[in-house]
């Protein structure tokens, strides 16, 4: 009476579903650390012209060749820059010396007689005078030093002011920084200026 009838069907066995392997957000398994490192190395190897399966010796040789090529390019660029500082070739000048406004300012300053050029020889003269143990000579040396310093300051201020007006008239906003650049150049002894002067005294640019 408590047994199952013949017409009763057996209960179905529940099916246990196994979870699918965890994947990353892009729908593929998360790569291992080794695979990720290999993928990061492959673009470097490929950029050197080597296949992805290049040996360690081949990679080292490619890196050595790349370093040698960079050194050669740097050396060639420095040689061109040194030549440009002498000849005034605009294409290879340092960034601080490039541009028509700065070239015009250089020519203007080089064509002018600047009091700042006299500071170094006058300072040497003052030093020599200060070594003489004569009170009047030492007082004169100090007065000469302060006098030349005052003259350089006034001349530099007037030069910068004039350059600012001329550069704004000729180049507008493209001449920003050129007046200060010219003032600092005027403080250098003419023979030691870089880029080298390309005009003579009195040959002012138009």
N, C-alpha and C. Protein backbone atom coordinates (compact mmCIF):
# COMPACT_ATOMS: atom_id res chain seq x y z
N UNK A 1 0.81 -1.19 0.00
CA UNK A 1 0.00 0.00 0.00
C UNK A 1 0.84 1.24 0.00
N UNK A 2 2.03 1.15 0.68
CA UNK A 2 2.92 2.30 0.67
C UNK A 2 3.90 2.27 -0.49
N UNK A 3 3.98 1.21 -1.22
CA UNK A 3 4.90 1.11 -2.36
C UNK A 3 4.43 1.92 -3.54
N UNK A 4 5.34 2.15 -4.48
CA UNK A 4 4.98 2.90 -5.67
C UNK A 4 4.21 2.03 -6.63
N UNK A 5 3.28 2.65 -7.27
CA UNK A 5 2.50 1.91 -8.24
C UNK A 5 3.28 1.63 -9.49
N UNK A 6 2.79 0.76 -10.23
CA UNK A 6 3.47 0.42 -11.47
C UNK A 6 3.41 1.53 -12.48
N UNK A 7 2.29 2.30 -12.39
CA UNK A 7 2.12 3.36 -13.39
C UNK A 7 2.88 4.64 -13.05
N UNK A 8 3.46 4.72 -11.83
CA UNK A 8 4.20 5.93 -11.45
C UNK A 8 5.60 5.92 -12.06
N UNK A 9 5.96 7.09 -12.60
CA UNK A 9 7.30 7.22 -13.24
C UNK A 9 8.31 7.65 -12.20
N UNK A 10 9.54 7.20 -12.28
CA UNK A 10 10.59 7.59 -11.31
C UNK A 10 10.92 9.08 -11.43
N UNK A 11 11.25 9.67 -10.27
CA UNK A 11 11.58 11.10 -10.29
C UNK A 11 12.87 11.33 -11.08
N UNK A 12 12.89 12.47 -11.78
CA UNK A 12 14.06 12.79 -12.63
C UNK A 12 15.24 13.19 -11.76
N UNK A 13 16.40 12.70 -12.13
CA UNK A 13 17.62 13.04 -11.40
C UNK A 13 18.05 14.46 -11.75
N UNK A 14 18.28 15.37 -10.76
CA UNK A 14 18.66 16.75 -11.09
C UNK A 14 20.02 16.79 -11.77
N UNK A 15 20.11 17.67 -12.78
CA UNK A 15 21.34 17.82 -13.55
C UNK A 15 22.15 18.96 -12.95
N UNK A 16 23.39 18.65 -12.57
CA UNK A 16 24.27 19.66 -12.00
C UNK A 16 25.09 20.27 -13.12
N UNK A 17 24.95 21.61 -13.29
CA UNK A 17 25.68 22.30 -14.36
C UNK A 17 27.04 22.76 -13.84
N UNK A 18 28.06 22.44 -14.58
CA UNK A 18 29.41 22.87 -14.20
C UNK A 18 29.65 24.29 -14.70
N UNK A 19 30.22 25.15 -13.86
CA UNK A 19 30.45 26.54 -14.29
C UNK A 19 31.47 26.61 -15.40
N UNK A 20 31.23 27.55 -16.32
CA UNK A 20 32.16 27.75 -17.42
C UNK A 20 33.42 28.44 -16.91
N UNK A 21 34.53 28.22 -17.58
CA UNK A 21 35.78 28.87 -17.13
C UNK A 21 35.66 30.39 -17.17
N UNK A 22 36.22 31.00 -16.13
CA UNK A 22 36.13 32.45 -16.01
C UNK A 22 36.95 33.11 -17.11
N UNK A 23 36.35 34.09 -17.72
CA UNK A 23 37.03 34.84 -18.79
C UNK A 23 37.10 36.28 -18.39
N UNK A 24 37.93 36.98 -19.05
CA UNK A 24 38.06 38.41 -18.79
C UNK A 24 36.91 39.15 -19.43
N UNK A 25 36.87 40.43 -19.23
CA UNK A 25 35.77 41.24 -19.74
C UNK A 25 35.69 41.24 -21.24
N UNK A 26 36.78 40.85 -21.94
CA UNK A 26 36.77 40.84 -23.39
C UNK A 26 36.33 39.51 -23.97
N UNK A 27 35.91 38.55 -23.13
CA UNK A 27 35.40 37.28 -23.62
C UNK A 27 36.46 36.25 -23.90
N UNK A 28 37.66 36.41 -23.33
CA UNK A 28 38.71 35.41 -23.53
C UNK A 28 39.45 35.20 -22.22
N UNK A 29 40.07 34.03 -22.04
CA UNK A 29 40.77 33.76 -20.77
C UNK A 29 41.83 34.80 -20.48
N UNK A 30 42.02 35.08 -19.20
CA UNK A 30 43.04 36.04 -18.79
C UNK A 30 44.43 35.49 -19.11
N UNK A 31 45.26 36.25 -19.86
CA UNK A 31 46.58 35.72 -20.22
C UNK A 31 47.48 35.61 -19.00
N UNK A 32 48.39 34.66 -19.09
CA UNK A 32 49.33 34.48 -18.00
C UNK A 32 50.38 35.59 -18.02
N UNK A 33 51.15 35.65 -16.95
CA UNK A 33 52.17 36.70 -16.86
C UNK A 33 53.23 36.53 -17.94
N UNK A 34 53.59 35.29 -18.21
CA UNK A 34 54.61 35.03 -19.22
C UNK A 34 54.14 35.47 -20.61
N UNK A 35 52.86 35.17 -20.92
CA UNK A 35 52.32 35.56 -22.22
C UNK A 35 52.28 37.07 -22.36
N UNK A 36 51.90 37.77 -21.25
CA UNK A 36 51.84 39.22 -21.30
C UNK A 36 53.21 39.83 -21.53
N UNK A 37 54.25 39.28 -20.89
CA UNK A 37 55.60 39.80 -21.08
C UNK A 37 56.08 39.58 -22.49
N UNK A 38 55.73 38.41 -23.07
CA UNK A 38 56.14 38.15 -24.45
C UNK A 38 55.47 39.12 -25.42
N UNK A 39 54.18 39.44 -25.15
CA UNK A 39 53.49 40.39 -26.02
C UNK A 39 54.09 41.79 -25.92
N UNK A 40 54.56 42.13 -24.71
CA UNK A 40 55.17 43.45 -24.56
C UNK A 40 56.52 43.52 -25.26
N UNK A 41 57.22 42.40 -25.32
CA UNK A 41 58.52 42.38 -25.98
C UNK A 41 58.42 42.34 -27.50
N UNK A 42 57.36 41.79 -28.02
CA UNK A 42 57.26 41.59 -29.46
C UNK A 42 57.31 42.89 -30.25
N UNK A 43 56.60 43.98 -29.81
CA UNK A 43 56.70 45.20 -30.60
C UNK A 43 58.11 45.75 -30.68
N UNK A 44 58.91 45.59 -29.61
CA UNK A 44 60.28 46.08 -29.62
C UNK A 44 61.11 45.29 -30.62
N UNK A 45 60.91 43.99 -30.60
CA UNK A 45 61.66 43.14 -31.53
C UNK A 45 61.25 43.43 -32.96
N UNK A 46 59.93 43.61 -33.15
CA UNK A 46 59.45 43.86 -34.51
C UNK A 46 59.97 45.18 -35.04
N UNK A 47 60.07 46.21 -34.15
CA UNK A 47 60.53 47.51 -34.61
C UNK A 47 61.99 47.48 -35.04
N UNK A 48 62.76 46.53 -34.54
CA UNK A 48 64.16 46.42 -34.93
C UNK A 48 64.36 45.58 -36.17
N UNK A 49 63.28 45.07 -36.75
CA UNK A 49 63.37 44.26 -37.95
C UNK A 49 63.61 42.80 -37.68
N UNK A 50 63.53 42.37 -36.42
CA UNK A 50 63.74 40.97 -36.07
C UNK A 50 62.40 40.26 -35.97
N UNK A 51 62.38 38.96 -36.24
CA UNK A 51 61.15 38.19 -36.07
C UNK A 51 60.82 38.03 -34.59
N UNK A 52 59.56 37.72 -34.26
CA UNK A 52 59.18 37.56 -32.84
C UNK A 52 59.95 36.46 -32.12
N UNK A 53 60.40 35.46 -32.86
CA UNK A 53 61.12 34.35 -32.22
C UNK A 53 62.64 34.52 -32.31
N UNK A 54 63.10 35.77 -32.38
CA UNK A 54 64.54 36.02 -32.47
C UNK A 54 65.25 35.56 -31.20
N UNK A 55 66.46 35.13 -31.37
CA UNK A 55 67.23 34.65 -30.22
C UNK A 55 67.74 35.84 -29.39
N UNK A 56 68.22 35.53 -28.20
CA UNK A 56 68.74 36.57 -27.31
C UNK A 56 69.95 37.25 -27.93
N UNK A 57 70.81 36.48 -28.58
CA UNK A 57 71.99 37.07 -29.21
C UNK A 57 71.59 38.02 -30.34
N UNK A 58 70.57 37.65 -31.11
CA UNK A 58 70.12 38.51 -32.20
C UNK A 58 69.52 39.81 -31.66
N UNK A 59 68.77 39.72 -30.56
CA UNK A 59 68.19 40.93 -29.97
C UNK A 59 69.28 41.85 -29.44
N UNK A 60 70.30 41.27 -28.79
CA UNK A 60 71.40 42.09 -28.26
C UNK A 60 72.14 42.78 -29.41
N UNK A 61 72.35 42.05 -30.51
CA UNK A 61 73.05 42.65 -31.65
C UNK A 61 72.23 43.78 -32.25
N UNK A 62 70.90 43.60 -32.31
CA UNK A 62 70.04 44.65 -32.86
C UNK A 62 70.04 45.88 -31.96
N UNK A 63 70.01 45.68 -30.65
CA UNK A 63 70.05 46.81 -29.72
C UNK A 63 71.37 47.56 -29.81
N UNK A 64 72.47 46.82 -29.96
CA UNK A 64 73.78 47.45 -30.09
C UNK A 64 73.85 48.28 -31.37
N UNK A 65 73.30 47.74 -32.46
CA UNK A 65 73.30 48.49 -33.72
C UNK A 65 72.44 49.74 -33.62
N UNK A 66 71.31 49.64 -32.90
CA UNK A 66 70.43 50.80 -32.74
C UNK A 66 71.11 51.90 -31.92
N UNK A 67 71.82 51.49 -30.86
CA UNK A 67 72.55 52.48 -30.05
C UNK A 67 73.64 53.16 -30.87
N UNK A 68 74.34 52.38 -31.68
CA UNK A 68 75.39 52.96 -32.52
C UNK A 68 74.80 53.95 -33.53
N UNK A 69 73.63 53.61 -34.08
CA UNK A 69 72.99 54.52 -35.03
C UNK A 69 72.55 55.81 -34.36
N UNK A 70 72.03 55.70 -33.12
CA UNK A 70 71.62 56.91 -32.39
C UNK A 70 72.83 57.80 -32.08
N UNK A 71 73.95 57.17 -31.67
CA UNK A 71 75.16 57.95 -31.38
C UNK A 71 75.66 58.67 -32.63
N UNK A 72 75.62 57.97 -33.75
CA UNK A 72 76.08 58.57 -35.00
C UNK A 72 75.20 59.74 -35.40
N UNK A 73 73.87 59.57 -35.24
CA UNK A 73 72.94 60.65 -35.59
C UNK A 73 73.14 61.86 -34.67
N UNK A 74 73.35 61.59 -33.37
CA UNK A 74 73.58 62.69 -32.43
C UNK A 74 74.87 63.42 -32.74
N UNK A 75 75.92 62.66 -33.05
CA UNK A 75 77.20 63.28 -33.38
C UNK A 75 77.10 64.12 -34.65
N UNK A 76 76.37 63.62 -35.64
CA UNK A 76 76.20 64.36 -36.89
C UNK A 76 75.41 65.65 -36.65
N UNK A 77 74.37 65.57 -35.81
CA UNK A 77 73.57 66.75 -35.51
C UNK A 77 74.39 67.80 -34.76
N UNK A 78 75.23 67.36 -33.83
CA UNK A 78 76.09 68.31 -33.10
C UNK A 78 77.09 68.98 -34.02
N UNK A 79 77.63 68.21 -34.97
CA UNK A 79 78.58 68.80 -35.92
C UNK A 79 77.90 69.85 -36.78
N UNK A 80 76.67 69.56 -37.22
CA UNK A 80 75.92 70.52 -38.01
C UNK A 80 75.58 71.77 -37.20
N UNK A 81 75.29 71.57 -35.92
CA UNK A 81 74.97 72.69 -35.05
C UNK A 81 76.18 73.58 -34.82
N UNK A 82 77.35 72.96 -34.61
CA UNK A 82 78.58 73.75 -34.44
C UNK A 82 78.88 74.56 -35.70
N UNK A 83 78.69 73.94 -36.86
CA UNK A 83 78.93 74.64 -38.11
C UNK A 83 77.93 75.79 -38.28
N UNK A 84 76.67 75.55 -37.87
CA UNK A 84 75.65 76.60 -38.00
C UNK A 84 75.95 77.78 -37.09
N UNK A 85 76.53 77.53 -35.91
CA UNK A 85 76.88 78.63 -35.01
C UNK A 85 77.97 79.52 -35.60
N UNK A 86 78.74 78.97 -36.52
CA UNK A 86 79.80 79.76 -37.18
C UNK A 86 79.27 80.43 -38.44
N UNK A 87 78.51 79.69 -39.23
CA UNK A 87 78.05 80.22 -40.52
C UNK A 87 76.69 80.92 -40.43
N UNK A 88 75.94 80.68 -39.34
CA UNK A 88 74.61 81.28 -39.22
C UNK A 88 73.53 80.54 -39.97
N UNK A 89 73.78 79.29 -40.35
CA UNK A 89 72.78 78.49 -41.06
C UNK A 89 71.56 78.27 -40.17
N UNK A 90 70.43 78.84 -40.55
CA UNK A 90 69.24 78.84 -39.71
C UNK A 90 68.69 77.44 -39.46
N UNK A 91 68.89 76.51 -40.40
CA UNK A 91 68.28 75.19 -40.31
C UNK A 91 68.81 74.38 -39.13
N UNK A 92 70.05 74.61 -38.73
CA UNK A 92 70.66 73.78 -37.69
C UNK A 92 71.04 74.56 -36.44
N UNK A 93 70.58 75.77 -36.30
CA UNK A 93 70.86 76.54 -35.09
C UNK A 93 70.07 75.99 -33.91
N UNK A 94 70.55 76.19 -32.68
CA UNK A 94 69.74 75.81 -31.51
C UNK A 94 68.41 76.56 -31.50
N UNK A 95 67.44 76.00 -30.80
CA UNK A 95 66.09 76.58 -30.81
C UNK A 95 66.08 78.02 -30.31
N UNK A 96 66.94 78.35 -29.35
CA UNK A 96 66.92 79.71 -28.79
C UNK A 96 67.42 80.75 -29.77
N UNK A 97 68.12 80.34 -30.84
CA UNK A 97 68.69 81.29 -31.81
C UNK A 97 67.91 81.32 -33.13
N UNK A 98 66.88 80.52 -33.24
CA UNK A 98 66.16 80.44 -34.53
C UNK A 98 65.12 81.53 -34.65
N UNK A 99 64.75 81.79 -35.90
CA UNK A 99 63.67 82.72 -36.18
C UNK A 99 64.18 84.01 -36.80
N UNK A 100 63.40 84.61 -37.68
CA UNK A 100 63.83 85.85 -38.34
C UNK A 100 63.99 87.01 -37.36
N UNK A 101 63.16 87.06 -36.31
CA UNK A 101 63.27 88.16 -35.35
C UNK A 101 64.60 88.11 -34.61
N UNK A 102 65.01 86.93 -34.18
CA UNK A 102 66.26 86.82 -33.44
C UNK A 102 67.48 87.03 -34.34
N UNK A 103 67.36 86.62 -35.58
CA UNK A 103 68.47 86.88 -36.51
C UNK A 103 68.61 88.39 -36.74
N UNK A 104 67.48 89.07 -36.89
CA UNK A 104 67.52 90.52 -37.10
C UNK A 104 68.11 91.21 -35.87
N UNK A 105 67.73 90.77 -34.68
CA UNK A 105 68.25 91.35 -33.45
C UNK A 105 69.76 91.11 -33.34
N UNK A 106 70.21 89.91 -33.70
CA UNK A 106 71.65 89.61 -33.67
C UNK A 106 72.42 90.57 -34.57
N UNK A 107 71.91 90.77 -35.78
CA UNK A 107 72.59 91.66 -36.72
C UNK A 107 72.59 93.10 -36.20
N UNK A 108 71.50 93.51 -35.58
CA UNK A 108 71.44 94.87 -35.06
C UNK A 108 72.45 95.06 -33.93
N UNK A 109 72.50 94.12 -33.02
CA UNK A 109 73.43 94.22 -31.89
C UNK A 109 74.88 94.14 -32.36
N UNK A 110 75.16 93.27 -33.34
CA UNK A 110 76.53 93.11 -33.82
C UNK A 110 77.00 94.33 -34.62
N UNK A 111 76.07 95.06 -35.21
CA UNK A 111 76.43 96.27 -35.94
C UNK A 111 76.64 97.46 -35.02
N UNK A 112 76.24 97.33 -33.77
CA UNK A 112 76.29 98.44 -32.81
C UNK A 112 77.52 98.33 -31.92
N UNK A 113 78.01 99.44 -31.45
CA UNK A 113 79.07 99.45 -30.44
C UNK A 113 78.41 99.49 -29.07
N UNK A 114 78.57 98.42 -28.33
CA UNK A 114 77.89 98.27 -27.05
C UNK A 114 78.86 98.50 -25.90
N UNK A 115 78.42 99.22 -24.90
CA UNK A 115 79.27 99.48 -23.74
C UNK A 115 79.53 98.19 -22.97
N UNK A 116 78.58 97.25 -23.04
CA UNK A 116 78.76 95.99 -22.33
C UNK A 116 80.00 95.23 -22.77
N UNK A 117 80.44 95.44 -24.03
CA UNK A 117 81.63 94.78 -24.51
C UNK A 117 82.88 95.25 -23.77
N UNK A 118 82.82 96.45 -23.21
CA UNK A 118 83.98 97.01 -22.53
C UNK A 118 84.10 96.56 -21.08
N UNK A 119 83.06 95.88 -20.59
CA UNK A 119 83.07 95.56 -19.17
C UNK A 119 84.22 94.63 -18.79
N UNK A 120 84.44 93.58 -19.58
CA UNK A 120 85.50 92.61 -19.25
C UNK A 120 86.89 93.25 -19.28
N UNK A 121 87.29 93.94 -20.36
CA UNK A 121 88.62 94.56 -20.32
C UNK A 121 88.75 95.63 -19.23
N UNK A 122 87.67 96.37 -18.97
CA UNK A 122 87.73 97.38 -17.91
C UNK A 122 87.84 96.72 -16.54
N UNK A 123 87.17 95.59 -16.35
CA UNK A 123 87.27 94.87 -15.07
C UNK A 123 88.70 94.38 -14.85
N UNK A 124 89.36 93.91 -15.91
CA UNK A 124 90.76 93.49 -15.78
C UNK A 124 91.65 94.69 -15.44
N UNK A 125 91.35 95.84 -16.02
CA UNK A 125 92.12 97.04 -15.71
C UNK A 125 91.93 97.45 -14.25
N UNK A 126 90.69 97.37 -13.78
CA UNK A 126 90.41 97.71 -12.38
C UNK A 126 91.14 96.75 -11.44
N UNK A 127 91.17 95.47 -11.80
CA UNK A 127 91.87 94.49 -10.98
C UNK A 127 93.36 94.82 -10.90
N UNK A 128 93.94 95.20 -12.03
CA UNK A 128 95.36 95.54 -12.03
C UNK A 128 95.62 96.80 -11.20
N UNK A 129 94.73 97.76 -11.29
CA UNK A 129 94.89 98.99 -10.52
C UNK A 129 94.75 98.74 -9.01
N UNK A 130 93.88 97.80 -8.65
CA UNK A 130 93.67 97.53 -7.23
C UNK A 130 94.89 96.87 -6.58
N UNK A 131 95.78 96.30 -7.39
CA UNK A 131 96.99 95.66 -6.84
C UNK A 131 98.07 96.69 -6.51
N UNK A 132 97.91 97.89 -7.01
CA UNK A 132 98.88 98.95 -6.72
C UNK A 132 98.57 99.52 -5.33
N UNK A 133 99.54 99.49 -4.43
CA UNK A 133 99.31 99.92 -3.05
C UNK A 133 99.43 101.43 -2.91
N UNK A 134 98.65 102.11 -3.72
CA UNK A 134 98.58 103.57 -3.64
C UNK A 134 97.12 103.94 -3.40
N UNK A 135 96.81 104.62 -2.32
CA UNK A 135 95.40 104.91 -2.00
C UNK A 135 94.65 105.60 -3.13
N UNK A 136 95.27 106.60 -3.76
CA UNK A 136 94.56 107.32 -4.83
C UNK A 136 94.24 106.39 -6.00
N UNK A 137 95.16 105.50 -6.33
CA UNK A 137 94.93 104.57 -7.45
C UNK A 137 93.83 103.58 -7.10
N UNK A 138 93.81 103.10 -5.89
CA UNK A 138 92.77 102.15 -5.48
C UNK A 138 91.39 102.82 -5.46
N UNK A 139 91.34 104.07 -5.00
CA UNK A 139 90.07 104.81 -5.03
C UNK A 139 89.60 105.01 -6.46
N UNK A 140 90.54 105.34 -7.32
CA UNK A 140 90.19 105.54 -8.73
C UNK A 140 89.70 104.24 -9.37
N UNK A 141 90.29 103.11 -8.98
CA UNK A 141 89.87 101.83 -9.54
C UNK A 141 88.44 101.50 -9.13
N UNK A 142 88.10 101.78 -7.88
CA UNK A 142 86.74 101.52 -7.42
C UNK A 142 85.76 102.43 -8.13
N UNK A 143 86.11 103.71 -8.27
CA UNK A 143 85.24 104.65 -8.96
C UNK A 143 85.05 104.25 -10.42
N UNK A 144 86.12 103.78 -11.06
CA UNK A 144 86.04 103.34 -12.46
C UNK A 144 85.14 102.11 -12.60
N UNK A 145 85.24 101.19 -11.64
CA UNK A 145 84.42 99.99 -11.69
C UNK A 145 82.94 100.33 -11.58
N UNK A 146 82.58 101.16 -10.62
CA UNK A 146 81.18 101.54 -10.46
C UNK A 146 80.69 102.38 -11.64
N UNK A 147 81.58 103.17 -12.19
CA UNK A 147 81.19 103.98 -13.35
C UNK A 147 80.87 103.12 -14.56
N UNK A 148 81.71 102.13 -14.84
CA UNK A 148 81.47 101.27 -16.00
C UNK A 148 80.23 100.40 -15.78
N UNK A 149 79.99 99.99 -14.53
CA UNK A 149 78.79 99.21 -14.25
C UNK A 149 77.54 100.04 -14.49
N UNK A 150 77.54 101.28 -14.06
CA UNK A 150 76.39 102.16 -14.27
C UNK A 150 76.17 102.40 -15.77
N UNK A 151 77.26 102.60 -16.51
CA UNK A 151 77.14 102.84 -17.94
C UNK A 151 76.57 101.62 -18.66
N UNK A 152 77.00 100.41 -18.26
CA UNK A 152 76.50 99.17 -18.88
C UNK A 152 75.01 99.01 -18.60
N UNK A 153 74.59 99.30 -17.38
CA UNK A 153 73.17 99.15 -17.03
C UNK A 153 72.31 100.11 -17.84
N UNK A 154 72.74 101.37 -17.94
CA UNK A 154 71.97 102.36 -18.70
C UNK A 154 71.93 101.99 -20.18
N UNK A 155 73.07 101.60 -20.73
CA UNK A 155 73.13 101.25 -22.15
C UNK A 155 72.26 100.02 -22.45
N UNK A 156 72.29 99.03 -21.57
CA UNK A 156 71.49 97.82 -21.77
C UNK A 156 70.00 98.14 -21.71
N UNK A 157 69.62 99.00 -20.78
CA UNK A 157 68.21 99.39 -20.66
C UNK A 157 67.74 100.13 -21.92
N UNK A 158 68.54 101.05 -22.40
CA UNK A 158 68.16 101.81 -23.60
C UNK A 158 68.12 100.90 -24.83
N UNK A 159 69.07 99.96 -24.91
CA UNK A 159 69.08 99.03 -26.05
C UNK A 159 67.84 98.14 -26.05
N UNK A 160 67.50 97.59 -24.91
CA UNK A 160 66.33 96.73 -24.83
C UNK A 160 65.06 97.48 -25.19
N UNK A 161 64.97 98.70 -24.73
CA UNK A 161 63.79 99.53 -25.02
C UNK A 161 63.68 99.79 -26.53
N UNK A 162 64.80 100.11 -27.15
CA UNK A 162 64.77 100.38 -28.59
C UNK A 162 64.48 99.11 -29.38
N UNK A 163 65.09 98.00 -28.98
CA UNK A 163 64.84 96.73 -29.67
C UNK A 163 63.37 96.33 -29.57
N UNK A 164 62.78 96.55 -28.43
CA UNK A 164 61.38 96.20 -28.24
C UNK A 164 60.49 96.95 -29.22
N UNK A 165 60.74 98.25 -29.37
CA UNK A 165 59.94 99.04 -30.30
C UNK A 165 60.16 98.61 -31.74
N UNK A 166 61.41 98.36 -32.13
CA UNK A 166 61.70 97.97 -33.51
C UNK A 166 61.18 96.58 -33.83
N UNK A 167 61.33 95.64 -32.90
CA UNK A 167 60.88 94.26 -33.15
C UNK A 167 59.36 94.19 -33.22
N UNK A 168 58.66 94.91 -32.36
CA UNK A 168 57.20 94.91 -32.42
C UNK A 168 56.70 95.51 -33.73
N UNK A 169 57.41 96.50 -34.24
CA UNK A 169 57.01 97.12 -35.50
C UNK A 169 57.22 96.19 -36.68
N UNK A 170 58.30 95.41 -36.66
CA UNK A 170 58.64 94.56 -37.80
C UNK A 170 58.03 93.16 -37.72
N UNK A 171 57.97 92.58 -36.52
CA UNK A 171 57.59 91.17 -36.40
C UNK A 171 56.34 90.94 -35.55
N UNK A 172 55.87 91.93 -34.85
CA UNK A 172 54.67 91.75 -34.03
C UNK A 172 54.88 90.75 -32.91
N UNK A 173 53.89 89.89 -32.72
CA UNK A 173 53.97 88.89 -31.65
C UNK A 173 55.03 87.83 -31.90
N UNK A 174 55.48 87.67 -33.14
CA UNK A 174 56.49 86.66 -33.44
C UNK A 174 57.87 87.02 -32.89
N UNK A 175 58.03 88.27 -32.45
CA UNK A 175 59.31 88.68 -31.91
C UNK A 175 59.39 88.63 -30.41
N UNK A 176 58.49 87.90 -29.76
CA UNK A 176 58.49 87.81 -28.30
C UNK A 176 59.80 87.23 -27.79
N UNK A 177 60.41 87.87 -26.80
CA UNK A 177 61.66 87.40 -26.22
C UNK A 177 62.91 87.88 -26.94
N UNK A 178 62.76 88.41 -28.16
CA UNK A 178 63.93 88.84 -28.93
C UNK A 178 64.64 90.04 -28.31
N UNK A 179 63.94 91.05 -27.75
CA UNK A 179 64.68 92.18 -27.14
C UNK A 179 65.59 91.75 -26.00
N UNK A 180 65.10 90.92 -25.10
CA UNK A 180 65.95 90.43 -24.01
C UNK A 180 67.11 89.59 -24.52
N UNK A 181 66.84 88.81 -25.58
CA UNK A 181 67.89 88.01 -26.22
C UNK A 181 69.00 88.91 -26.76
N UNK A 182 68.61 90.01 -27.39
CA UNK A 182 69.59 90.95 -27.93
C UNK A 182 70.36 91.67 -26.83
N UNK A 183 69.69 92.02 -25.74
CA UNK A 183 70.37 92.69 -24.64
C UNK A 183 71.45 91.80 -24.04
N UNK A 184 71.15 90.52 -23.85
CA UNK A 184 72.14 89.60 -23.30
C UNK A 184 73.30 89.40 -24.27
N UNK A 185 73.03 89.44 -25.56
CA UNK A 185 74.10 89.29 -26.55
C UNK A 185 75.02 90.51 -26.52
N UNK A 186 74.45 91.67 -26.27
CA UNK A 186 75.25 92.89 -26.25
C UNK A 186 76.23 92.91 -25.09
N UNK A 187 75.97 92.12 -24.05
CA UNK A 187 76.88 92.07 -22.90
C UNK A 187 78.10 91.18 -23.16
N UNK A 188 78.06 90.41 -24.25
CA UNK A 188 79.16 89.50 -24.56
C UNK A 188 80.21 90.20 -25.43
N UNK A 189 81.44 89.80 -25.22
CA UNK A 189 82.51 90.32 -26.07
C UNK A 189 82.26 89.84 -27.50
N UNK A 190 82.40 90.74 -28.46
CA UNK A 190 82.00 90.44 -29.84
C UNK A 190 82.67 89.18 -30.37
N UNK A 191 83.94 88.98 -30.09
CA UNK A 191 84.67 87.83 -30.64
C UNK A 191 84.16 86.50 -30.09
N UNK A 192 83.55 86.51 -28.91
CA UNK A 192 83.12 85.27 -28.27
C UNK A 192 81.62 84.99 -28.47
N UNK A 193 80.93 85.80 -29.25
CA UNK A 193 79.49 85.60 -29.41
C UNK A 193 79.19 84.39 -30.28
N UNK A 194 78.14 83.68 -29.88
CA UNK A 194 77.63 82.55 -30.65
C UNK A 194 76.11 82.70 -30.78
N UNK A 195 75.61 82.60 -32.01
CA UNK A 195 76.26 82.45 -33.31
C UNK A 195 77.19 83.63 -33.62
N UNK A 196 78.19 83.34 -34.45
CA UNK A 196 79.18 84.35 -34.77
C UNK A 196 78.53 85.52 -35.51
N UNK A 197 79.01 86.74 -35.29
CA UNK A 197 78.48 87.90 -36.02
C UNK A 197 78.62 87.73 -37.53
N UNK A 198 77.55 88.08 -38.25
CA UNK A 198 77.54 87.94 -39.70
C UNK A 198 77.57 89.30 -40.40
N UNK A 199 77.62 90.39 -39.62
CA UNK A 199 77.68 91.74 -40.18
C UNK A 199 78.81 92.49 -39.51
N UNK A 200 79.28 93.53 -40.18
CA UNK A 200 80.34 94.36 -39.63
C UNK A 200 79.77 95.52 -38.83
N UNK A 201 80.65 96.28 -38.24
CA UNK A 201 80.23 97.46 -37.49
C UNK A 201 79.53 98.46 -38.42
N UNK A 202 78.41 98.94 -37.96
CA UNK A 202 77.67 99.94 -38.74
C UNK A 202 76.76 99.37 -39.81
N UNK A 203 76.78 98.05 -40.05
CA UNK A 203 75.93 97.44 -41.08
C UNK A 203 74.60 97.02 -40.46
N UNK A 204 73.78 97.98 -40.15
CA UNK A 204 72.50 97.70 -39.49
C UNK A 204 71.54 97.03 -40.47
N UNK A 205 70.76 96.07 -40.00
CA UNK A 205 69.78 95.40 -40.88
C UNK A 205 68.63 96.34 -41.23
N UNK A 206 68.04 96.11 -42.38
CA UNK A 206 66.92 96.94 -42.83
C UNK A 206 65.59 96.35 -42.36
